[in-house]
Amino acid sequence: MSSAASAQSAVGYDPAVGLKNLQKLDQRLHEIGYRLVSANSKYCVNQRSNSGLLLHDITQYGDAQLARTAFGFTTPIAVNAVAAGSIGGRAGIRAGDNLAKINGQLVENIPVDPVVAKNERPEYQRVASAYLLLAEALSEGRAKLSVSRNGVAHSVELTPELTCASRFQIKVDDDRNASANGKIVSISSALAEYFADDDEFAAVAAHELAHNLLNHRDRLNRQKVNRGFFGQFGKSARRIKDTEIEADRLSVWLMANAGYDPEAAIRFWTRYGKEHGKGIFSASTHYRWKKRVKLFEEEIARMAKTESQEGKRVPPLLLTDQRASN
């Protein structure tokens, strides 16, 4: 145990419990995210094979012994969460299972992908490369995993299942924030702990997912939008605000299709707005909370007037002709 962890334990804090609490947030977001991308998959142009598995690497925790105590690592990479109804869940994989091989490749010997090495911190490079290897195996038709539970090893075969192409992660941060980079939705641990329930959690996750599904990052890059200090003014601010409005509108459709209450977006932003004023981001690029709530009310009313197909409604912003014109 590190000296910091020892000091924390001396005053009654168990750092292993802290890691397990973080894992619970990871598992909640993973489940919510999977429901969103799977329920809306047929409306997404960009899809990927999704195992439903959330992996974690012992190196990402810094203190290997503490990680073993908290999570029971016996291999370098283990299963942190399994989404209900996913191919991983249906195959019997459980959170806590240790991953030994992917299609015969030992996880400790997985070569780090050059793109991963460029974009990920060293402690996350192996698990990111494992995700790539798993995706490649599924894209070829089948992934064979060697996993162990309570010291008993067994093999599991997964066949491809497509969802919208986006992943979800909790970032440890004392500030309440959320972001999307085109591929990954990130929500801070402080914000995740603030949500009253999973429906509110889904409201923010769906908003960030909408940014990815609508390719907002690429659009803003093509428009040479300034995301720094000067992005809070003029043309850049207006273009960023346009994407925020679209993400809000699309989010309630994504939520409803996944079985979450879209009214939770109203509840969350009303509560957050009353407590914090402008909201998570500056008012120059985002509506103030009252105007934002009105937008949600209008979009939910619009959604209620459309016909459902097998319990789902086609989100207008994801229609091919409208997306192509953005």
C-alpha atoms as a PDB file:
ATOM      1  CA  MET A   1       0.000   0.000   0.000  1.00  0.00           C
ATOM      2  CA  SER A   2       1.311   3.489  -0.833  1.00  0.00           C
ATOM      3  CA  SER A   3       2.228   5.927   1.967  1.00  0.00           C
ATOM      4  CA  ALA A   4      -0.760   8.083   0.989  1.00  0.00           C
ATOM      5  CA  ALA A   5      -3.084   5.102   1.221  1.00  0.00           C
ATOM      6  CA  SER A   6      -1.579   4.177   4.601  1.00  0.00           C
ATOM      7  CA  ALA A   7      -2.149   7.682   5.886  1.00  0.00           C
ATOM      8  CA  GLN A   8      -5.736   7.619   4.716  1.00  0.00           C
ATOM      9  CA  SER A   9      -6.286   4.260   6.420  1.00  0.00           C
ATOM     10  CA  ALA A  10      -4.828   5.654   9.643  1.00  0.00           C
ATOM     11  CA  VAL A  11      -7.650   8.160   9.885  1.00  0.00           C
ATOM     12  CA  GLY A  12     -10.322   5.597   9.159  1.00  0.00           C
ATOM     13  CA  TYR A  13     -10.578   5.802   5.369  1.00  0.00           C
ATOM     14  CA  ASP A  14     -10.255   2.557   3.421  1.00  0.00           C
ATOM     15  CA  PRO A  15      -8.890   3.370  -0.064  1.00  0.00           C
ATOM     16  CA  ALA A  16     -10.131   0.019  -1.377  1.00  0.00           C
ATOM     17  CA  VAL A  17     -13.666   1.136  -0.550  1.00  0.00           C
ATOM     18  CA  GLY A  18     -13.006   4.341  -2.486  1.00  0.00           C
ATOM     19  CA  LEU A  19     -12.018   2.308  -5.543  1.00  0.00           C
ATOM     20  CA  LYS A  20     -15.106   0.131  -5.234  1.00  0.00           C
ATOM     21  CA  ASN A  21     -17.300   3.225  -5.036  1.00  0.00           C
ATOM     22  CA  LEU A  22     -15.662   4.492  -8.215  1.00  0.00           C
ATOM     23  CA  GLN A  23     -16.340   1.111  -9.803  1.00  0.00           C
ATOM     24  CA  LYS A  24     -20.037   1.496  -8.984  1.00  0.00           C
ATOM     25  CA  LEU A  25     -20.095   4.773 -10.911  1.00  0.00           C
ATOM     26  CA  ASP A  26     -18.283   3.083 -13.811  1.00  0.00           C
ATOM     27  CA  GLN A  27     -20.836   0.286 -13.812  1.00  0.00           C
ATOM     28  CA  ARG A  28     -23.810   2.668 -13.719  1.00  0.00           C
ATOM     29  CA  LEU A  29     -22.531   4.758 -16.616  1.00  0.00           C
ATOM     30  CA  HIS A  30     -21.566   1.660 -18.594  1.00  0.00           C
ATOM     31  CA  GLU A  31     -25.065   0.213 -18.220  1.00  0.00           C
ATOM     32  CA  ILE A  32     -26.725   3.512 -19.109  1.00  0.00           C
ATOM     33  CA  GLY A  33     -24.432   4.055 -22.074  1.00  0.00           C
ATOM     34  CA  TYR A  34     -24.984   0.574 -23.431  1.00  0.00           C
ATOM     35  CA  ARG A  35     -28.757   0.986 -23.239  1.00  0.00           C
ATOM     36  CA  LEU A  36     -28.515   4.261 -25.151  1.00  0.00           C
ATOM     37  CA  VAL A  37     -26.276   2.982 -27.956  1.00  0.00           C
ATOM     38  CA  SER A  38     -28.040  -0.367 -28.351  1.00  0.00           C
ATOM     39  CA  ALA A  39     -31.603   0.998 -28.291  1.00  0.00           C
ATOM     40  CA  ASN A  40     -30.767   3.599 -30.942  1.00  0.00           C
ATOM     41  CA  SER A  41     -28.389   1.506 -33.050  1.00  0.00           C
ATOM     42  CA  LYS A  42     -30.571   1.276 -36.163  1.00  0.00           C
ATOM     43  CA  TYR A  43     -30.640   5.076 -36.414  1.00  0.00           C
ATOM     44  CA  CYS A  44     -26.835   5.459 -36.292  1.00  0.00           C
ATOM     45  CA  VAL A  45     -24.697   5.592 -39.419  1.00  0.00           C
ATOM     46  CA  ASN A  46     -21.507   4.924 -37.452  1.00  0.00           C
ATOM     47  CA  GLN A  47     -21.794   1.559 -35.720  1.00  0.00           C
ATOM     48  CA  ARG A  48     -19.344  -0.811 -34.039  1.00  0.00           C
ATOM     49  CA  SER A  49     -19.298  -4.314 -32.645  1.00  0.00           C
ATOM     50  CA  ASN A  50     -20.035  -3.979 -28.949  1.00  0.00           C
ATOM     51  CA  SER A  51     -19.211  -6.765 -26.512  1.00  0.00           C
ATOM     52  CA  GLY A  52     -20.922  -4.979 -23.616  1.00  0.00           C
ATOM     53  CA  LEU A  53     -17.733  -5.393 -21.587  1.00  0.00           C
ATOM     54  CA  LEU A  54     -16.024  -2.611 -19.668  1.00  0.00           C
ATOM     55  CA  LEU A  55     -12.395  -3.552 -19.055  1.00  0.00           C
ATOM     56  CA  HIS A  56      -9.855  -2.120 -16.662  1.00  0.00           C
ATOM     57  CA  ASP A  57      -6.088  -2.521 -16.307  1.00  0.00           C
ATOM     58  CA  ILE A  58      -4.280  -2.909 -12.996  1.00  0.00           C
ATOM     59  CA  THR A  59      -1.739  -0.280 -14.114  1.00  0.00           C
ATOM     60  CA  GLN A  60      -4.354   2.463 -14.292  1.00  0.00           C
ATOM     61  CA  TYR A  61      -4.685   2.445 -10.497  1.00  0.00           C
ATOM     62  CA  GLY A  62      -1.047   3.180  -9.678  1.00  0.00           C
ATOM     63  CA  ASP A  63      -1.044   1.035  -6.521  1.00  0.00           C
ATOM     64  CA  ALA A  64      -1.156  -2.537  -7.845  1.00  0.00           C
ATOM     65  CA  GLN A  65      -1.610  -4.159  -4.433  1.00  0.00           C
ATOM     66  CA  LEU A  66      -4.515  -1.879  -3.606  1.00  0.00           C
ATOM     67  CA  ALA A  67      -6.125  -2.711  -6.962  1.00  0.00           C
ATOM     68  CA  ARG A  68      -5.736  -6.444  -6.285  1.00  0.00           C
ATOM     69  CA  THR A  69      -7.334  -6.005  -2.874  1.00  0.00           C
ATOM     70  CA  ALA A  70     -10.252  -4.024  -4.266  1.00  0.00           C
ATOM     71  CA  PHE A  71     -10.891  -5.945  -7.497  1.00  0.00           C
ATOM     72  CA  GLY A  72      -9.138  -9.308  -7.261  1.00  0.00           C
ATOM     73  CA  PHE A  73      -6.852  -8.916 -10.285  1.00  0.00           C
ATOM     74  CA  THR A  74      -5.032 -12.147 -11.165  1.00  0.00           C
ATOM     75  CA  THR A  75      -4.261 -11.022 -14.735  1.00  0.00           C
ATOM     76  CA  PRO A  76      -3.309  -7.506 -15.845  1.00  0.00           C
ATOM     77  CA  ILE A  77      -6.750  -6.838 -17.358  1.00  0.00           C
ATOM     78  CA  ALA A  78     -10.109  -7.710 -15.827  1.00  0.00           C
ATOM     79  CA  VAL A  79     -13.795  -7.119 -16.475  1.00  0.00           C
ATOM     80  CA  ASN A  80     -15.006  -4.028 -14.637  1.00  0.00           C
ATOM     81  CA  ALA A  81     -18.647  -4.204 -15.772  1.00  0.00           C
ATOM     82  CA  VAL A  82     -20.935  -6.163 -18.099  1.00  0.00           C
ATOM     83  CA  ALA A  83     -24.000  -4.536 -19.648  1.00  0.00           C
ATOM     84  CA  ALA A  84     -27.237  -6.452 -19.189  1.00  0.00           C
ATOM     85  CA  GLY A  85     -28.469  -7.975 -22.436  1.00  0.00           C
ATOM     86  CA  SER A  86     -25.122  -7.562 -24.207  1.00  0.00           C
ATOM     87  CA  ILE A  87     -23.315 -10.407 -25.957  1.00  0.00           C
ATOM     88  CA  GLY A  88     -20.842 -10.506 -23.076  1.00  0.00           C
ATOM     89  CA  GLY A  89     -23.637 -10.762 -20.535  1.00  0.00           C
ATOM     90  CA  ARG A  90     -25.471 -13.438 -22.494  1.00  0.00           C
ATOM     91  CA  ALA A  91     -22.227 -15.428 -22.713  1.00  0.00           C
ATOM     92  CA  GLY A  92     -22.043 -15.533 -18.912  1.00  0.00           C
ATOM     93  CA  ILE A  93     -19.158 -13.107 -18.375  1.00  0.00           C
ATOM     94  CA  ARG A  94     -19.380 -11.261 -15.058  1.00  0.00           C
ATOM     95  CA  ALA A  95     -17.807  -8.203 -13.481  1.00  0.00           C
ATOM     96  CA  GLY A  96     -14.696  -9.367 -11.648  1.00  0.00           C
ATOM     97  CA  ASP A  97     -13.743 -12.024 -14.212  1.00  0.00           C
ATOM     98  CA  ASN A  98     -10.075 -11.853 -15.178  1.00  0.00           C
ATOM     99  CA  LEU A  99      -9.166 -11.710 -18.858  1.00  0.00           C
ATOM    100  CA  ALA A 100      -6.185 -13.836 -19.882  1.00  0.00           C
ATOM    101  CA  LYS A 101      -6.367 -14.035 -23.693  1.00  0.00           C
ATOM    102  CA  ILE A 102      -8.165 -12.561 -26.704  1.00  0.00           C
ATOM    103  CA  ASN A 103      -8.095 -14.954 -29.669  1.00  0.00           C
ATOM    104  CA  GLY A 104      -5.046 -16.650 -28.194  1.00  0.00           C
ATOM    105  CA  GLN A 105      -3.141 -13.423 -27.497  1.00  0.00           C
ATOM    106  CA  LEU A 106      -2.022 -13.061 -23.884  1.00  0.00           C
ATOM    107  CA  VAL A 107      -3.252  -9.693 -22.618  1.00  0.00           C
ATOM    108  CA  GLU A 108       0.129  -8.854 -21.056  1.00  0.00           C
ATOM    109  CA  ASN A 109       1.714  -9.223 -24.506  1.00  0.00           C
ATOM    110  CA  ILE A 110      -0.810  -7.204 -26.515  1.00  0.00           C
ATOM    111  CA  PRO A 111       1.205  -4.790 -28.670  1.00  0.00           C
ATOM    112  CA  VAL A 112       0.352  -1.154 -28.123  1.00  0.00           C
ATOM    113  CA  ASP A 113      -1.320   0.315 -31.186  1.00  0.00           C
ATOM    114  CA  PRO A 114       0.578   3.396 -32.522  1.00  0.00           C
ATOM    115  CA  VAL A 115      -2.589   5.523 -32.506  1.00  0.00           C
ATOM    116  CA  VAL A 116      -3.285   4.440 -28.922  1.00  0.00           C
ATOM    117  CA  ALA A 117       0.285   5.272 -27.911  1.00  0.00           C
ATOM    118  CA  LYS A 118      -0.172   8.764 -29.340  1.00  0.00           C
ATOM    119  CA  ASN A 119      -3.515   9.505 -27.716  1.00  0.00           C
ATOM    120  CA  GLU A 120      -3.529   7.620 -24.390  1.00  0.00           C
ATOM    121  CA  ARG A 121      -1.535   7.993 -21.207  1.00  0.00           C
ATOM    122  CA  PRO A 122       0.862   5.044 -20.642  1.00  0.00           C
ATOM    123  CA  GLU A 123      -1.275   3.447 -17.911  1.00  0.00           C
ATOM    124  CA  TYR A 124      -4.266   3.233 -20.294  1.00  0.00           C
ATOM    125  CA  GLN A 125      -2.453   2.099 -23.444  1.00  0.00           C
ATOM    126  CA  ARG A 126      -2.667  -1.644 -22.835  1.00  0.00           C
ATOM    127  CA  VAL A 127      -6.393  -1.714 -22.067  1.00  0.00           C
ATOM    128  CA  ALA A 128      -7.113   0.593 -25.026  1.00  0.00           C
ATOM    129  CA  SER A 129      -5.151  -1.789 -27.265  1.00  0.00           C
ATOM    130  CA  ALA A 130      -7.112  -4.704 -25.798  1.00  0.00           C
ATOM    131  CA  TYR A 131     -10.349  -2.972 -26.840  1.00  0.00           C
ATOM    132  CA  LEU A 132      -8.975  -2.623 -30.367  1.00  0.00           C
ATOM    133  CA  LEU A 133      -7.962  -6.277 -30.499  1.00  0.00           C
ATOM    134  CA  LEU A 134     -11.402  -7.320 -29.261  1.00  0.00           C
ATOM    135  CA  ALA A 135     -13.108  -5.084 -31.844  1.00  0.00           C
ATOM    136  CA  GLU A 136     -10.953  -6.514 -34.639  1.00  0.00           C
ATOM    137  CA  ALA A 137     -11.779 -10.065 -33.568  1.00  0.00           C
ATOM    138  CA  LEU A 138     -15.499  -9.301 -33.540  1.00  0.00           C
ATOM    139  CA  SER A 139     -15.294  -7.570 -36.918  1.00  0.00           C
ATOM    140  CA  GLU A 140     -13.857 -10.798 -38.326  1.00  0.00           C
ATOM    141  CA  GLY A 141     -16.880 -12.708 -37.027  1.00  0.00           C
ATOM    142  CA  ARG A 142     -15.922 -14.108 -33.641  1.00  0.00           C
ATOM    143  CA  ALA A 143     -13.880 -13.346 -30.538  1.00  0.00           C
ATOM    144  CA  LYS A 144     -12.636 -16.142 -28.289  1.00  0.00           C
ATOM    145  CA  LEU A 145     -11.834 -15.003 -24.755  1.00  0.00           C
ATOM    146  CA  SER A 146     -10.004 -16.898 -22.053  1.00  0.00           C
ATOM    147  CA  VAL A 147     -11.270 -15.757 -18.661  1.00  0.00           C
ATOM    148  CA  SER A 148     -10.959 -16.959 -15.094  1.00  0.00           C
ATOM    149  CA  ARG A 149     -13.241 -16.705 -12.068  1.00  0.00           C
ATOM    150  CA  ASN A 150     -12.253 -17.815  -8.582  1.00  0.00           C
ATOM    151  CA  GLY A 151      -9.190 -19.481 -10.045  1.00  0.00           C
ATOM    152  CA  VAL A 152     -11.137 -21.527 -12.613  1.00  0.00           C
ATOM    153  CA  ALA A 153     -10.304 -20.796 -16.258  1.00  0.00           C
ATOM    154  CA  HIS A 154     -12.753 -21.193 -19.126  1.00  0.00           C
ATOM    155  CA  SER A 155     -13.242 -20.038 -22.716  1.00  0.00           C
ATOM    156  CA  VAL A 156     -16.048 -17.860 -24.044  1.00  0.00           C
ATOM    157  CA  GLU A 157     -16.919 -17.120 -27.657  1.00  0.00           C
ATOM    158  CA  LEU A 158     -18.594 -13.866 -28.661  1.00  0.00           C
ATOM    159  CA  THR A 159     -20.239 -13.126 -32.004  1.00  0.00           C
ATOM    160  CA  PRO A 160     -20.680  -9.575 -33.344  1.00  0.00           C
ATOM    161  CA  GLU A 161     -23.539  -7.304 -32.335  1.00  0.00           C
ATOM    162  CA  LEU A 162     -23.666  -3.716 -33.589  1.00  0.00           C
ATOM    163  CA  THR A 163     -24.528  -0.606 -31.590  1.00  0.00           C
ATOM    164  CA  CYS A 164     -23.932   3.091 -32.133  1.00  0.00           C
ATOM    165  CA  ALA A 165     -20.180   3.738 -32.091  1.00  0.00           C
ATOM    166  CA  SER A 166     -19.466   5.395 -28.769  1.00  0.00           C
ATOM    167  CA  ARG A 167     -17.929   4.425 -25.442  1.00  0.00           C
ATOM    168  CA  PHE A 168     -18.490   5.860 -21.971  1.00  0.00           C
ATOM    169  CA  GLN A 169     -16.136   6.550 -19.077  1.00  0.00           C
ATOM    170  CA  ILE A 170     -16.036   8.111 -15.634  1.00  0.00           C
ATOM    171  CA  LYS A 171     -13.179  10.573 -15.127  1.00  0.00           C
ATOM    172  CA  VAL A 172     -12.071  11.198 -11.556  1.00  0.00           C
ATOM    173  CA  ASP A 173     -12.529  14.934 -11.102  1.00  0.00           C
ATOM    174  CA  ASP A 174     -13.770  17.172  -8.302  1.00  0.00           C
ATOM    175  CA  ASP A 175     -15.396  19.505 -10.846  1.00  0.00           C
ATOM    176  CA  ARG A 176     -18.829  18.701 -12.265  1.00  0.00           C
ATOM    177  CA  ASN A 177     -18.336  18.387 -16.005  1.00  0.00           C
ATOM    178  CA  ALA A 178     -19.048  16.191 -19.022  1.00  0.00           C
ATOM    179  CA  SER A 179     -17.621  16.029 -22.528  1.00  0.00           C
ATOM    180  CA  ALA A 180     -17.572  14.115 -25.807  1.00  0.00           C
ATOM    181  CA  ASN A 181     -14.614  13.774 -28.176  1.00  0.00           C
ATOM    182  CA  GLY A 182     -16.361  12.083 -31.103  1.00  0.00           C
ATOM    183  CA  LYS A 183     -15.723   8.553 -29.821  1.00  0.00           C
ATOM    184  CA  ILE A 184     -15.944   8.626 -26.033  1.00  0.00           C
ATOM    185  CA  VAL A 185     -18.391  10.221 -23.608  1.00  0.00           C
ATOM    186  CA  SER A 186     -16.743  11.308 -20.350  1.00  0.00           C
ATOM    187  CA  ILE A 187     -18.584  12.277 -17.182  1.00  0.00           C
ATOM    188  CA  SER A 188     -16.746  13.411 -14.067  1.00  0.00           C
ATOM    189  CA  SER A 189     -17.076  11.488 -10.837  1.00  0.00           C
ATOM    190  CA  ALA A 190     -18.293  14.635  -9.054  1.00  0.00           C
ATOM    191  CA  LEU A 191     -21.122  15.117 -11.551  1.00  0.00           C
ATOM    192  CA  ALA A 192     -22.017  11.405 -11.496  1.00  0.00           C
ATOM    193  CA  GLU A 193     -22.406  11.566  -7.724  1.00  0.00           C
ATOM    194  CA  TYR A 194     -24.729  14.570  -8.065  1.00  0.00           C
ATOM    195  CA  PHE A 195     -27.416  12.809 -10.123  1.00  0.00           C
ATOM    196  CA  ALA A 196     -30.604  11.985  -8.218  1.00  0.00           C
ATOM    197  CA  ASP A 197     -31.204   8.785 -10.217  1.00  0.00           C
ATOM    198  CA  ASP A 198     -30.237   6.887 -13.366  1.00  0.00           C
ATOM    199  CA  ASP A 199     -32.716   8.865 -15.484  1.00  0.00           C
ATOM    200  CA  GLU A 200     -30.847  12.100 -14.685  1.00  0.00           C
ATOM    201  CA  PHE A 201     -27.561  10.286 -15.329  1.00  0.00           C
ATOM    202  CA  ALA A 202     -28.951   9.198 -18.709  1.00  0.00           C
ATOM    203  CA  ALA A 203     -30.006  12.773 -19.535  1.00  0.00           C
ATOM    204  CA  VAL A 204     -26.421  14.044 -19.437  1.00  0.00           C
ATOM    205  CA  ALA A 205     -24.989  10.867 -21.020  1.00  0.00           C
ATOM    206  CA  ALA A 206     -27.509  11.155 -23.879  1.00  0.00           C
ATOM    207  CA  HIS A 207     -26.633  14.818 -24.446  1.00  0.00           C
ATOM    208  CA  GLU A 208     -22.923  13.985 -24.781  1.00  0.00           C
ATOM    209  CA  LEU A 209     -23.697  10.929 -26.909  1.00  0.00           C
ATOM    210  CA  ALA A 210     -25.734  13.167 -29.220  1.00  0.00           C
ATOM    211  CA  HIS A 211     -22.604  15.247 -29.870  1.00  0.00           C
ATOM    212  CA  ASN A 212     -20.816  12.102 -31.027  1.00  0.00           C
ATOM    213  CA  LEU A 213     -23.692  10.793 -33.140  1.00  0.00           C
ATOM    214  CA  LEU A 214     -24.081  14.153 -34.893  1.00  0.00           C
ATOM    215  CA  ASN A 215     -20.316  14.426 -35.536  1.00  0.00           C
ATOM    216  CA  HIS A 216     -20.207  17.828 -33.868  1.00  0.00           C
ATOM    217  CA  ARG A 217     -16.488  17.713 -33.156  1.00  0.00           C
ATOM    218  CA  ASP A 218     -15.670  17.200 -36.834  1.00  0.00           C
ATOM    219  CA  ARG A 219     -18.148  19.880 -37.877  1.00  0.00           C
ATOM    220  CA  LEU A 220     -16.655  22.458 -35.525  1.00  0.00           C
ATOM    221  CA  ASN A 221     -13.160  21.528 -36.672  1.00  0.00           C
ATOM    222  CA  ARG A 222     -14.152  22.063 -40.312  1.00  0.00           C
ATOM    223  CA  GLN A 223     -15.589  25.448 -39.342  1.00  0.00           C
ATOM    224  CA  LYS A 224     -12.300  26.278 -37.570  1.00  0.00           C
ATOM    225  CA  VAL A 225     -14.151  27.048 -34.354  1.00  0.00           C
ATOM    226  CA  ASN A 226     -11.988  28.369 -31.535  1.00  0.00           C
ATOM    227  CA  ARG A 227     -12.549  26.267 -28.403  1.00  0.00           C
ATOM    228  CA  GLY A 228     -10.295  28.381 -26.214  1.00  0.00           C
ATOM    229  CA  PHE A 229     -11.033  31.673 -24.462  1.00  0.00           C
ATOM    230  CA  PHE A 230     -12.039  33.424 -27.689  1.00  0.00           C
ATOM    231  CA  GLY A 231     -14.461  30.599 -28.440  1.00  0.00           C
ATOM    232  CA  GLN A 232     -16.772  32.262 -25.912  1.00  0.00           C
ATOM    233  CA  PHE A 233     -17.423  35.125 -28.299  1.00  0.00           C
ATOM    234  CA  GLY A 234     -18.737  35.886 -31.775  1.00  0.00           C
ATOM    235  CA  LYS A 235     -19.085  33.326 -34.552  1.00  0.00           C
ATOM    236  CA  SER A 236     -17.352  30.515 -32.644  1.00  0.00           C
ATOM    237  CA  ALA A 237     -19.717  30.870 -29.673  1.00  0.00           C
ATOM    238  CA  ARG A 238     -22.765  30.853 -31.964  1.00  0.00           C
ATOM    239  CA  ARG A 239     -21.608  27.716 -33.748  1.00  0.00           C
ATOM    240  CA  ILE A 240     -20.878  25.916 -30.480  1.00  0.00           C
ATOM    241  CA  LYS A 241     -24.297  26.947 -29.154  1.00  0.00           C
ATOM    242  CA  ASP A 242     -25.948  25.522 -32.296  1.00  0.00           C
ATOM    243  CA  THR A 243     -24.405  22.120 -31.553  1.00  0.00           C
ATOM    244  CA  GLU A 244     -25.488  22.332 -27.893  1.00  0.00           C
ATOM    245  CA  ILE A 245     -29.074  23.014 -28.941  1.00  0.00           C
ATOM    246  CA  GLU A 246     -29.017  20.035 -31.326  1.00  0.00           C
ATOM    247  CA  ALA A 247     -27.551  17.780 -28.628  1.00  0.00           C
ATOM    248  CA  ASP A 248     -30.288  18.804 -26.190  1.00  0.00           C
ATOM    249  CA  ARG A 249     -33.008  18.141 -28.751  1.00  0.00           C
ATOM    250  CA  LEU A 250     -31.654  14.752 -29.762  1.00  0.00           C
ATOM    251  CA  SER A 251     -30.938  13.647 -26.186  1.00  0.00           C
ATOM    252  CA  VAL A 252     -34.575  13.237 -25.150  1.00  0.00           C
ATOM    253  CA  TRP A 253     -35.288  10.984 -28.170  1.00  0.00           C
ATOM    254  CA  LEU A 254     -32.269   8.820 -27.321  1.00  0.00           C
ATOM    255  CA  MET A 255     -33.433   8.591 -23.694  1.00  0.00           C
ATOM    256  CA  ALA A 256     -37.009   7.653 -24.540  1.00  0.00           C
ATOM    257  CA  ASN A 257     -35.922   4.963 -27.005  1.00  0.00           C
ATOM    258  CA  ALA A 258     -33.706   3.439 -24.297  1.00  0.00           C
ATOM    259  CA  GLY A 259     -36.523   3.389 -21.745  1.00  0.00           C
ATOM    260  CA  TYR A 260     -35.398   6.392 -19.690  1.00  0.00           C
ATOM    261  CA  ASP A 261     -37.754   9.198 -18.681  1.00  0.00           C
ATOM    262  CA  PRO A 262     -36.976  12.233 -20.905  1.00  0.00           C
ATOM    263  CA  GLU A 263     -38.598  14.470 -18.260  1.00  0.00           C
ATOM    264  CA  ALA A 264     -35.486  13.759 -16.179  1.00  0.00           C
ATOM    265  CA  ALA A 265     -33.617  16.278 -18.344  1.00  0.00           C
ATOM    266  CA  ILE A 266     -36.057  18.930 -17.140  1.00  0.00           C
ATOM    267  CA  ARG A 267     -35.770  17.830 -13.511  1.00  0.00           C
ATOM    268  CA  PHE A 268     -31.978  17.770 -13.602  1.00  0.00           C
ATOM    269  CA  TRP A 269     -31.459  21.143 -15.265  1.00  0.00           C
ATOM    270  CA  THR A 270     -34.091  22.823 -13.105  1.00  0.00           C
ATOM    271  CA  ARG A 271     -32.409  21.583  -9.942  1.00  0.00           C
ATOM    272  CA  TYR A 272     -28.895  22.258 -11.185  1.00  0.00           C
ATOM    273  CA  GLY A 273     -29.833  25.659 -12.578  1.00  0.00           C
ATOM    274  CA  LYS A 274     -31.439  26.830  -9.339  1.00  0.00           C
ATOM    275  CA  GLU A 275     -28.386  25.744  -7.369  1.00  0.00           C
ATOM    276  CA  HIS A 276     -25.631  26.849  -9.756  1.00  0.00           C
ATOM    277  CA  GLY A 277     -27.074  29.518 -12.038  1.00  0.00           C
ATOM    278  CA  LYS A 278     -25.526  29.258 -15.501  1.00  0.00           C
ATOM    279  CA  GLY A 279     -25.051  25.536 -15.414  1.00  0.00           C
ATOM    280  CA  ILE A 280     -22.012  23.401 -16.134  1.00  0.00           C
ATOM    281  CA  PHE A 281     -20.647  25.580 -18.942  1.00  0.00           C
ATOM    282  CA  SER A 282     -20.582  29.285 -19.750  1.00  0.00           C
ATOM    283  CA  ALA A 283     -23.810  30.952 -20.878  1.00  0.00           C
ATOM    284  CA  SER A 284     -22.230  32.264 -24.102  1.00  0.00           C
ATOM    285  CA  THR A 285     -22.122  28.782 -25.626  1.00  0.00           C
ATOM    286  CA  HIS A 286     -25.068  27.224 -23.771  1.00  0.00           C
ATOM    287  CA  TYR A 287     -28.609  28.313 -23.031  1.00  0.00           C
ATOM    288  CA  ARG A 288     -29.273  29.430 -19.482  1.00  0.00           C
ATOM    289  CA  TRP A 289     -31.146  26.784 -17.572  1.00  0.00           C
ATOM    290  CA  LYS A 290     -34.677  28.213 -17.921  1.00  0.00           C
ATOM    291  CA  LYS A 291     -34.372  28.475 -21.700  1.00  0.00           C
ATOM    292  CA  ARG A 292     -32.835  25.022 -21.784  1.00  0.00           C
ATOM    293  CA  VAL A 293     -35.759  23.565 -19.840  1.00  0.00           C
ATOM    294  CA  LYS A 294     -38.191  25.196 -22.261  1.00  0.00           C
ATOM    295  CA  LEU A 295     -36.327  23.593 -25.175  1.00  0.00           C
ATOM    296  CA  PHE A 296     -36.671  20.169 -23.538  1.00  0.00           C
ATOM    297  CA  GLU A 297     -40.386  20.736 -22.964  1.00  0.00           C
ATOM    298  CA  GLU A 298     -40.886  21.677 -26.610  1.00  0.00           C
ATOM    299  CA  GLU A 299     -38.931  18.689 -27.899  1.00  0.00           C
ATOM    300  CA  ILE A 300     -40.711  16.216 -25.621  1.00  0.00           C
ATOM    301  CA  ALA A 301     -44.076  17.592 -26.811  1.00  0.00           C
ATOM    302  CA  ARG A 302     -42.896  17.240 -30.411  1.00  0.00           C
ATOM    303  CA  MET A 303     -41.782  13.683 -29.776  1.00  0.00           C
ATOM    304  CA  ALA A 304     -45.147  12.780 -28.230  1.00  0.00           C
ATOM    305  CA  LYS A 305     -46.898  13.732 -31.475  1.00  0.00           C
ATOM    306  CA  THR A 306     -44.857  11.332 -33.624  1.00  0.00           C
ATOM    307  CA  GLU A 307     -45.788   7.727 -34.238  1.00  0.00           C
ATOM    308  CA  SER A 308     -43.754   5.044 -32.537  1.00  0.00           C
ATOM    309  CA  GLN A 309     -42.416   1.993 -34.333  1.00  0.00           C
ATOM    310  CA  GLU A 310     -42.039  -1.046 -32.076  1.00  0.00           C
ATOM    311  CA  GLY A 311     -41.984   1.250 -29.077  1.00  0.00           C
ATOM    312  CA  LYS A 312     -39.384   3.652 -30.516  1.00  0.00           C
ATOM    313  CA  ARG A 313     -39.476   6.908 -32.404  1.00  0.00           C
ATOM    314  CA  VAL A 314     -37.079   7.868 -35.192  1.00  0.00           C
ATOM    315  CA  PRO A 315     -35.046  10.897 -34.028  1.00  0.00           C
ATOM    316  CA  PRO A 316     -35.399  13.582 -36.740  1.00  0.00           C
ATOM    317  CA  LEU A 317     -31.819  14.784 -36.285  1.00  0.00           C
ATOM    318  CA  LEU A 318     -30.548  11.291 -37.114  1.00  0.00           C
ATOM    319  CA  LEU A 319     -32.429  11.054 -40.393  1.00  0.00           C
ATOM    320  CA  THR A 320     -29.856  10.667 -43.152  1.00  0.00           C
ATOM    321  CA  ASP A 321     -30.958  13.635 -45.247  1.00  0.00           C
ATOM    322  CA  GLN A 322     -30.970  16.017 -42.273  1.00  0.00           C
ATOM    323  CA  ARG A 323     -27.616  14.780 -40.937  1.00  0.00           C
ATOM    324  CA  ALA A 324     -26.034  15.173 -44.372  1.00  0.00           C
ATOM    325  CA  SER A 325     -27.122  18.813 -44.490  1.00  0.00           C
ATOM    326  CA  ASN A 326     -25.545  19.684 -41.126  1.00  0.00           C
END
